[in-house]
Amino acid sequence: MNPAGGRQEPALTHEQVREVVAFAALAPSVHNTQPWRFVWDGTSLEVHDDPTRGLAVLDPTGRERVMSCGAAIENAVLGVRGLGRDCDVELLPDPGRDDLLARLTPGAARPATDEEHALVEAVPRRYTDRGRFLAKEVGGDVIDRLRSAAEGAGAWLRAVERQDEQIALSVLLSHAEEVEAANPAYREELQRWRTHDREAEGIPDAAVPAEGVAARGSDYRLRDLDAGREGSSAGPAAPVDEPPVPEHPVVVIVGTLDDERRDWLRAGMGMGRVLLQATVDDLAASPMTQVVEVERLRARLRQELDLVGMPQVVLRLGYGQGRMTTRRRPVEDILTVTG
């Protein structure tokens, strides 16, 4: 019996724990590095940061790595709710353990809401789409739902709608891509994760459009995932008879009021919830994070768009035509059971 005299709910079974962890691992992560570990002690599930899977050049502070773990935490919570249980979430529960990002404790039986059911169903369908989107307008009501999703996780969402803001973002993204691609260490690190040989992690060939970013007619500079790859070229596209198809995606920024480790977690949880809500609304997304990876350009983005708080991730949204192309590490590799 619990102290209040009610019935004590049983702990999750080992099979349910595995199910929740597998669900969590479907979260997006920077370059699909999957930088998380999970520990089940018999009553609670700990989510740990795995710095050995970090990107020292792209992400020297670990901000994007922690955000990736935040998205996994959001998925794990939904996994528990999908089992019909409450879930208590404690972020950064032990100040003496930097790697321990969250502790999730399943609680009393409570059916998932219709909204939660929709998000749970979206988890295995969500994917990163770096290809072209359909020429179909994203309505304001959809943006409102995405904004509510971010706010529900403690973050904020801002759509980049004014032409002057779109131009400013486009310029900053181009500059950021040039800064990163000019760094040999960045190119070498990118190609360690950009490979057709890696089966369970990284960015496979199937996730990268064959035409290359130089041939795209996008309003925004896309990340060149082949930068530094043998045989690739960062130069302009070869002349063609027809101009590239114009691409005018909706772009949103997810951010937080502050920029500490807890805020990175909240941003990741917000990003995860936004991407799942987008999936519910039949949207696909891909990150355009170069501009928030170069700190001086991140500061300029904040200034030029008059953002209140810190931009954490920039997302390109639209009606996609792709599918899930990245694989996940086996549960056995990321879950430790101690009780």
Protein backbone atom coordinates (compact mmCIF):
# COMPACT_ATOMS: atom_id res chain seq x y z
CA MET A 1 0.00 0.00 0.00
CA ASN A 2 1.20 3.53 -0.67
CA PRO A 3 1.23 6.23 2.07
CA ALA A 4 -2.11 7.59 0.92
CA GLY A 5 -3.72 4.20 1.35
CA GLY A 6 -4.23 3.57 -2.38
CA ARG A 7 -3.12 0.57 -4.36
CA GLN A 8 0.57 0.53 -5.31
CA GLU A 9 0.92 0.13 -9.05
CA PRO A 10 3.31 -2.64 -10.11
CA ALA A 11 6.57 -1.73 -11.76
CA LEU A 12 6.88 -2.11 -15.50
CA THR A 13 7.80 -5.56 -16.70
CA HIS A 14 11.17 -6.03 -18.39
CA GLU A 15 9.37 -6.38 -21.72
CA GLN A 16 7.55 -3.08 -21.16
CA VAL A 17 10.83 -1.37 -20.25
CA ARG A 18 12.37 -2.63 -23.49
CA GLU A 19 9.34 -1.36 -25.37
CA VAL A 20 9.66 2.11 -23.82
CA VAL A 21 13.40 2.28 -24.56
CA ALA A 22 12.91 1.16 -28.14
CA PHE A 23 10.25 3.87 -28.44
CA ALA A 24 12.61 6.48 -26.96
CA ALA A 25 15.36 5.49 -29.39
CA LEU A 26 13.17 6.44 -32.37
CA ALA A 27 13.83 10.08 -31.47
CA PRO A 28 15.81 12.26 -33.88
CA SER A 29 19.44 13.02 -33.02
CA VAL A 30 22.18 15.16 -34.51
CA HIS A 31 23.67 13.21 -37.44
CA ASN A 32 21.75 10.18 -36.09
CA THR A 33 24.45 9.72 -33.44
CA GLN A 34 21.87 8.37 -30.95
CA PRO A 35 23.85 9.72 -27.95
CA TRP A 36 21.78 8.20 -25.15
CA ARG A 37 21.89 5.41 -22.58
CA PHE A 38 19.10 4.11 -20.36
CA VAL A 39 19.22 2.46 -16.93
CA TRP A 40 16.23 0.69 -15.36
CA ASP A 41 16.60 0.18 -11.60
CA GLY A 42 13.33 -1.67 -11.06
CA THR A 43 11.17 1.39 -10.43
CA SER A 44 12.56 4.25 -12.55
CA LEU A 45 14.17 4.72 -15.96
CA GLU A 46 17.24 6.94 -16.05
CA VAL A 47 18.20 8.72 -19.28
CA HIS A 48 21.93 9.37 -19.62
CA ASP A 49 23.96 11.47 -22.02
CA ASP A 50 26.66 9.47 -23.83
CA PRO A 51 29.48 11.94 -24.59
CA THR A 52 31.48 9.23 -26.38
CA ARG A 53 28.99 9.68 -29.23
CA GLY A 54 29.42 13.44 -29.33
CA LEU A 55 30.53 15.66 -32.20
CA ALA A 56 33.53 17.56 -30.89
CA VAL A 57 33.75 19.93 -33.87
CA LEU A 58 30.10 20.53 -34.72
CA ASP A 59 28.84 20.49 -31.13
CA PRO A 60 31.71 21.33 -28.75
CA THR A 61 29.44 22.30 -25.84
CA GLY A 62 27.24 19.20 -26.19
CA ARG A 63 24.15 21.37 -26.65
CA GLU A 64 22.78 19.44 -29.64
CA ARG A 65 23.67 16.14 -28.00
CA VAL A 66 21.64 17.06 -24.91
CA MET A 67 18.79 18.26 -27.11
CA SER A 68 18.82 14.90 -28.88
CA CYS A 69 18.47 13.22 -25.49
CA GLY A 70 15.62 15.61 -24.69
CA ALA A 71 13.74 14.33 -27.74
CA ALA A 72 14.36 10.76 -26.53
CA ILE A 73 12.97 11.69 -23.10
CA GLU A 74 9.82 13.02 -24.76
CA ASN A 75 9.42 9.75 -26.66
CA ALA A 76 10.00 7.72 -23.49
CA VAL A 77 7.29 9.65 -21.65
CA LEU A 78 4.89 8.95 -24.50
CA GLY A 79 5.94 5.31 -24.41
CA VAL A 80 4.94 5.08 -20.74
CA ARG A 81 1.70 6.95 -21.38
CA GLY A 82 0.99 4.55 -24.23
CA LEU A 83 1.04 1.77 -21.64
CA GLY A 84 -1.72 3.59 -19.76
CA ARG A 85 0.47 4.81 -16.89
CA ASP A 86 1.26 8.24 -15.51
CA CYS A 87 4.90 9.26 -15.82
CA ASP A 88 6.76 11.55 -13.42
CA VAL A 89 9.73 13.29 -15.07
CA GLU A 90 12.60 14.78 -13.10
CA LEU A 91 15.17 16.66 -15.18
CA LEU A 92 18.80 16.80 -14.00
CA PRO A 93 17.93 14.94 -10.77
CA ASP A 94 21.51 14.73 -9.43
CA PRO A 95 23.71 17.85 -9.67
CA GLY A 96 26.79 15.69 -9.09
CA ARG A 97 26.16 13.54 -12.20
CA ASP A 98 26.37 15.54 -15.41
CA ASP A 99 25.54 12.53 -17.55
CA LEU A 100 22.23 11.83 -15.75
CA LEU A 101 19.74 13.95 -17.66
CA ALA A 102 16.40 12.66 -16.44
CA ARG A 103 14.65 10.12 -14.25
CA LEU A 104 11.27 8.83 -15.39
CA THR A 105 9.07 7.05 -12.85
CA PRO A 106 5.93 5.26 -14.05
CA GLY A 107 2.97 6.03 -11.81
CA ALA A 108 -0.67 5.16 -11.40
CA ALA A 109 -2.82 3.75 -14.15
CA ARG A 110 -4.37 6.49 -16.30
CA PRO A 111 -5.54 6.09 -19.89
CA ALA A 112 -3.73 8.14 -22.50
CA THR A 113 -5.68 11.08 -23.93
CA ASP A 114 -6.72 11.22 -27.57
CA GLU A 115 -3.92 13.73 -28.20
CA GLU A 116 -1.37 11.43 -26.57
CA HIS A 117 -2.65 8.46 -28.58
CA ALA A 118 -2.12 10.45 -31.78
CA LEU A 119 1.43 11.37 -30.78
CA VAL A 120 2.22 7.80 -29.76
CA GLU A 121 1.01 6.58 -33.14
CA ALA A 122 3.19 9.21 -34.84
CA VAL A 123 6.47 8.11 -33.21
CA PRO A 124 7.27 5.21 -35.59
CA ARG A 125 6.06 7.25 -38.60
CA ARG A 126 8.18 10.34 -37.98
CA TYR A 127 11.21 10.70 -40.22
CA THR A 128 13.67 13.37 -41.35
CA ASP A 129 12.94 14.39 -44.94
CA ARG A 130 15.79 16.17 -46.72
CA GLY A 131 14.06 15.93 -50.10
CA ARG A 132 11.62 18.21 -51.85
CA PHE A 133 8.28 18.99 -50.28
CA LEU A 134 5.00 19.11 -52.16
CA ALA A 135 3.80 22.54 -53.32
CA LYS A 136 1.06 22.58 -50.70
CA GLU A 137 0.52 25.40 -48.26
CA VAL A 138 0.93 24.78 -44.54
CA GLY A 139 -2.02 26.43 -42.84
CA GLY A 140 -1.90 28.81 -39.91
CA ASP A 141 -3.92 26.38 -37.81
CA VAL A 142 -1.15 23.80 -38.22
CA ILE A 143 1.47 26.32 -37.11
CA ASP A 144 -0.67 27.11 -34.08
CA ARG A 145 -0.71 23.42 -33.12
CA LEU A 146 3.06 23.22 -33.51
CA ARG A 147 3.45 26.28 -31.32
CA SER A 148 1.25 24.74 -28.63
CA ALA A 149 3.29 21.53 -28.82
CA ALA A 150 6.52 23.41 -28.15
CA GLU A 151 5.02 25.43 -25.33
CA GLY A 152 3.66 22.27 -23.70
CA ALA A 153 7.24 21.06 -23.31
CA GLY A 154 8.56 24.36 -21.91
CA ALA A 155 9.96 25.79 -25.16
CA TRP A 156 8.73 28.36 -27.67
CA LEU A 157 8.18 28.24 -31.43
CA ARG A 158 8.38 31.11 -33.88
CA ALA A 159 7.46 30.80 -37.56
CA VAL A 160 9.69 32.84 -39.89
CA GLU A 161 6.94 34.51 -41.94
CA ARG A 162 7.98 38.04 -42.88
CA GLN A 163 10.00 38.43 -46.06
CA ASP A 164 12.73 40.49 -44.40
CA GLU A 165 13.15 37.79 -41.73
CA GLN A 166 13.27 35.05 -44.36
CA ILE A 167 15.98 36.94 -46.25
CA ALA A 168 17.98 37.49 -43.06
CA LEU A 169 17.75 33.82 -42.12
CA SER A 170 18.71 32.76 -45.65
CA VAL A 171 21.83 34.93 -45.58
CA LEU A 172 22.86 33.71 -42.13
CA LEU A 173 22.32 30.06 -43.09
CA SER A 174 24.49 30.47 -46.19
CA HIS A 175 27.23 32.09 -44.15
CA ALA A 176 27.05 29.39 -41.48
CA GLU A 177 27.28 26.59 -44.07
CA GLU A 178 30.34 28.25 -45.62
CA VAL A 179 32.01 28.65 -42.23
CA GLU A 180 31.46 25.02 -41.27
CA ALA A 181 32.32 23.53 -44.67
CA ALA A 182 35.60 25.47 -44.77
CA ASN A 183 36.82 23.63 -41.64
CA PRO A 184 38.65 20.38 -42.55
CA ALA A 185 37.95 18.96 -39.08
CA TYR A 186 34.22 19.53 -39.59
CA ARG A 187 34.28 17.79 -42.95
CA GLU A 188 36.20 14.83 -41.54
CA GLU A 189 33.80 14.51 -38.58
CA LEU A 190 30.77 14.73 -40.87
CA GLN A 191 32.06 11.94 -43.07
CA ARG A 192 32.60 9.63 -40.10
CA TRP A 193 28.80 9.70 -39.70
CA ARG A 194 27.89 10.03 -43.39
CA THR A 195 28.42 6.58 -44.84
CA HIS A 196 26.71 3.80 -46.75
CA ASP A 197 28.51 1.18 -44.66
CA ARG A 198 26.99 1.99 -41.27
CA GLU A 199 23.88 -0.13 -40.66
CA ALA A 200 22.59 1.02 -37.28
CA GLU A 201 23.69 4.64 -36.94
CA GLY A 202 24.78 7.68 -38.88
CA ILE A 203 23.35 9.18 -42.06
CA PRO A 204 22.93 6.56 -44.80
CA ASP A 205 22.92 7.24 -48.53
CA ALA A 206 19.17 6.66 -48.60
CA ALA A 207 18.63 9.68 -46.34
CA VAL A 208 20.44 12.09 -48.69
CA PRO A 209 18.86 13.21 -52.00
CA ALA A 210 21.04 12.11 -54.90
CA GLU A 211 20.82 15.45 -56.71
CA GLY A 212 22.93 17.29 -54.11
CA VAL A 213 22.23 20.63 -52.48
CA ALA A 214 23.84 22.70 -55.24
CA ALA A 215 21.11 21.58 -57.67
CA ARG A 216 18.25 22.51 -55.32
CA GLY A 217 16.15 25.63 -55.79
CA SER A 218 15.61 26.12 -52.07
CA ASP A 219 15.07 29.52 -50.50
CA TYR A 220 17.49 28.38 -47.79
CA ARG A 221 20.97 26.90 -47.92
CA LEU A 222 20.74 23.22 -47.04
CA ARG A 223 23.51 21.35 -45.26
CA ASP A 224 25.87 19.67 -47.71
CA LEU A 225 26.09 16.21 -46.16
CA ASP A 226 28.63 15.17 -48.79
CA ALA A 227 31.08 17.96 -47.91
CA GLY A 228 34.53 16.39 -47.65
CA ARG A 229 33.42 13.12 -49.23
CA GLU A 230 35.72 11.76 -51.91
CA GLY A 231 34.45 12.79 -55.32
CA SER A 232 32.11 15.47 -53.98
CA SER A 233 32.32 19.14 -54.77
CA ALA A 234 31.12 22.13 -52.79
CA GLY A 235 31.11 24.28 -55.92
CA PRO A 236 28.12 25.35 -58.03
CA ALA A 237 25.98 22.81 -59.79
CA ALA A 238 26.74 21.88 -63.38
CA PRO A 239 24.67 23.82 -65.97
CA VAL A 240 21.35 22.21 -66.85
CA ASP A 241 18.69 22.99 -69.45
CA GLU A 242 15.97 23.60 -66.88
CA PRO A 243 16.23 25.78 -63.76
CA PRO A 244 15.83 24.01 -60.41
CA VAL A 245 12.34 23.60 -59.03
CA PRO A 246 11.67 26.44 -56.56
CA GLU A 247 11.32 25.32 -52.95
CA HIS A 248 9.56 27.56 -50.44
CA PRO A 249 9.31 25.56 -47.21
CA VAL A 250 7.83 26.83 -43.99
CA VAL A 251 10.60 27.46 -41.46
CA VAL A 252 10.15 27.56 -37.70
CA ILE A 253 12.58 28.22 -34.88
CA VAL A 254 12.29 26.40 -31.55
CA GLY A 255 13.97 28.07 -28.61
CA THR A 256 14.05 28.68 -24.88
CA LEU A 257 14.25 31.72 -22.63
CA ASP A 258 17.71 30.79 -21.33
CA ASP A 259 20.64 28.71 -22.56
CA GLU A 260 21.62 26.34 -19.77
CA ARG A 261 21.68 22.54 -19.75
CA ARG A 262 18.09 22.32 -18.50
CA ASP A 263 17.02 24.65 -21.31
CA TRP A 264 18.73 22.40 -23.87
CA LEU A 265 16.71 19.48 -22.52
CA ARG A 266 13.50 21.49 -22.70
CA ALA A 267 14.36 22.55 -26.25
CA GLY A 268 14.92 18.92 -27.22
CA MET A 269 11.65 17.84 -25.63
CA GLY A 270 9.89 20.71 -27.39
CA MET A 271 11.52 19.85 -30.71
CA GLY A 272 10.50 16.22 -30.29
CA ARG A 273 6.90 17.15 -29.51
CA VAL A 274 6.80 19.59 -32.47
CA LEU A 275 8.08 16.93 -34.87
CA LEU A 276 5.50 14.44 -33.65
CA GLN A 277 2.68 16.97 -33.94
CA ALA A 278 3.93 17.76 -37.44
CA THR A 279 3.70 14.03 -38.24
CA VAL A 280 0.14 13.94 -36.91
CA ASP A 281 -0.61 16.77 -39.35
CA ASP A 282 1.05 14.83 -42.21
CA LEU A 283 4.06 17.16 -42.31
CA ALA A 284 7.69 16.13 -42.57
CA ALA A 285 10.69 18.11 -41.37
CA SER A 286 14.44 18.41 -41.54
CA PRO A 287 16.84 20.51 -39.45
CA MET A 288 18.72 23.55 -40.70
CA THR A 289 20.91 23.93 -37.64
CA GLN A 290 24.07 25.40 -39.16
CA VAL A 291 23.02 28.90 -38.13
CA VAL A 292 22.72 27.96 -34.43
CA GLU A 293 25.99 25.98 -34.46
CA VAL A 294 28.14 29.02 -35.24
CA GLU A 295 27.73 31.09 -32.08
CA ARG A 296 28.29 34.53 -33.57
CA LEU A 297 25.69 33.80 -36.24
CA ARG A 298 23.31 32.40 -33.64
CA ALA A 299 23.63 35.74 -31.84
CA ARG A 300 22.92 37.60 -35.08
CA LEU A 301 19.86 35.44 -35.74
CA ARG A 302 18.54 36.33 -32.32
CA GLN A 303 19.18 40.01 -32.97
CA GLU A 304 17.93 40.30 -36.56
CA LEU A 305 14.70 38.39 -35.89
CA ASP A 306 14.24 40.12 -32.52
CA LEU A 307 13.87 36.80 -30.73
CA VAL A 308 13.08 36.77 -27.01
CA GLY A 309 15.35 34.06 -25.69
CA MET A 310 17.80 31.69 -27.37
CA PRO A 311 17.18 29.97 -30.72
CA GLN A 312 18.00 26.28 -30.31
CA VAL A 313 16.96 24.63 -33.59
CA VAL A 314 15.72 25.73 -37.01
CA LEU A 315 13.32 23.35 -38.77
CA ARG A 316 12.24 23.19 -42.42
CA LEU A 317 8.65 21.91 -42.69
CA GLY A 318 6.42 20.76 -45.49
CA TYR A 319 4.44 17.91 -46.98
CA GLY A 320 7.08 15.30 -47.66
CA GLN A 321 7.37 12.44 -50.11
CA GLY A 322 9.89 10.27 -48.27
CA ARG A 323 10.08 7.59 -45.62
CA MET A 324 12.13 6.49 -42.61
CA THR A 325 15.67 5.75 -43.81
CA THR A 326 17.80 5.67 -40.66
CA ARG A 327 18.13 2.67 -38.40
CA ARG A 328 18.43 2.48 -34.62
CA ARG A 329 20.87 0.78 -32.30
CA PRO A 330 19.62 -2.44 -30.67
CA VAL A 331 17.98 -2.03 -27.27
CA GLU A 332 20.66 -4.31 -25.82
CA ASP A 333 23.29 -1.68 -26.69
CA ILE A 334 21.58 1.21 -24.92
CA LEU A 335 19.70 -0.34 -21.96
CA THR A 336 21.18 -1.52 -18.64
CA VAL A 337 18.90 -3.25 -16.13
CA THR A 338 20.04 -3.09 -12.51
CA GLY A 339 16.88 -4.10 -10.71
